[in-house]
Amino acid sequence: MIQLKLKRGESVERALKRLKKIMDKEGLLKQLRNNRYYEKPCEKARLKSARARARTNSRRGMREMF
């Protein structure tokens, strides 16, 4: 569980910004978004391989540019 204490003189907006940064580092929001609905294991694997293919293609394109 994340606990965030306000520093002396710190605004609420600044504290929220710190909280969001901490949550991003821990991957909480990504995990929550992924768990919104059930995905079959085969669907997860297919999406994972599609992302890997896209990443490989973009890297290949970057190499050809230089």
Protein backbone atom coordinates (compact mmCIF):
# COMPACT_ATOMS: atom_id res chain seq x y z
CA MET A 1 0.00 0.00 0.00
CA ILE A 2 1.32 3.40 -0.97
CA GLN A 3 1.38 6.04 1.72
CA LEU A 4 2.10 9.64 0.91
CA LYS A 5 2.55 12.32 3.53
CA LEU A 6 2.38 15.96 2.63
CA LYS A 7 5.58 17.86 3.21
CA ARG A 8 5.45 21.14 5.06
CA GLY A 9 4.11 23.82 2.73
CA GLU A 10 3.49 21.36 -0.13
CA SER A 11 0.37 21.89 -2.21
CA VAL A 12 -2.13 19.12 -2.85
CA GLU A 13 -1.48 19.32 -6.59
CA ARG A 14 2.24 18.73 -6.04
CA ALA A 15 1.48 15.78 -3.76
CA LEU A 16 -0.82 14.27 -6.40
CA LYS A 17 1.95 14.65 -8.95
CA ARG A 18 4.33 12.79 -6.60
CA LEU A 19 1.71 10.07 -6.04
CA LYS A 20 1.20 9.58 -9.77
CA LYS A 21 4.95 9.32 -10.27
CA ILE A 22 5.23 6.66 -7.57
CA MET A 23 2.31 4.71 -9.00
CA ASP A 24 3.83 4.88 -12.47
CA LYS A 25 7.17 3.54 -11.22
CA GLU A 26 5.45 0.62 -9.52
CA GLY A 27 3.29 -0.08 -12.56
CA LEU A 28 0.02 0.07 -10.62
CA LEU A 29 -2.03 1.88 -13.25
CA LYS A 30 -0.84 -0.44 -16.00
CA GLN A 31 -1.74 -3.44 -13.86
CA LEU A 32 -5.20 -2.04 -13.09
CA ARG A 33 -5.88 -1.39 -16.77
CA ASN A 34 -4.77 -4.90 -17.69
CA ASN A 35 -7.03 -6.48 -15.07
CA ARG A 36 -10.21 -4.62 -16.07
CA TYR A 37 -11.46 -7.62 -18.01
CA TYR A 38 -10.41 -11.22 -18.46
CA GLU A 39 -8.16 -12.12 -21.37
CA LYS A 40 -7.67 -15.67 -22.46
CA PRO A 41 -4.06 -16.87 -22.28
CA CYS A 42 -3.98 -17.35 -26.06
CA GLU A 43 -5.15 -13.76 -26.53
CA LYS A 44 -2.41 -12.49 -24.21
CA ALA A 45 0.22 -14.45 -26.12
CA ARG A 46 -1.05 -13.20 -29.48
CA LEU A 47 -0.98 -9.57 -28.33
CA LYS A 48 2.46 -10.02 -26.82
CA SER A 49 3.87 -11.40 -30.08
CA ALA A 50 2.18 -8.64 -32.09
CA ARG A 51 3.80 -5.99 -29.86
CA ALA A 52 7.17 -7.70 -30.25
CA ARG A 53 6.75 -7.77 -34.04
CA ALA A 54 5.87 -4.08 -34.11
CA ARG A 55 8.85 -3.23 -31.89
CA THR A 56 11.19 -5.24 -34.12
CA ASN A 57 9.84 -3.61 -37.28
CA SER A 58 10.24 -0.13 -35.83
CA ARG A 59 13.82 -0.85 -34.77
CA ARG A 60 14.58 -2.24 -38.22
CA GLY A 61 13.15 0.92 -39.78
CA MET A 62 15.31 3.10 -37.52
CA ARG A 63 18.44 1.18 -38.51
CA GLU A 64 17.71 1.66 -42.21
CA MET A 65 17.35 5.42 -41.70
CA PHE A 66 20.94 5.77 -40.50
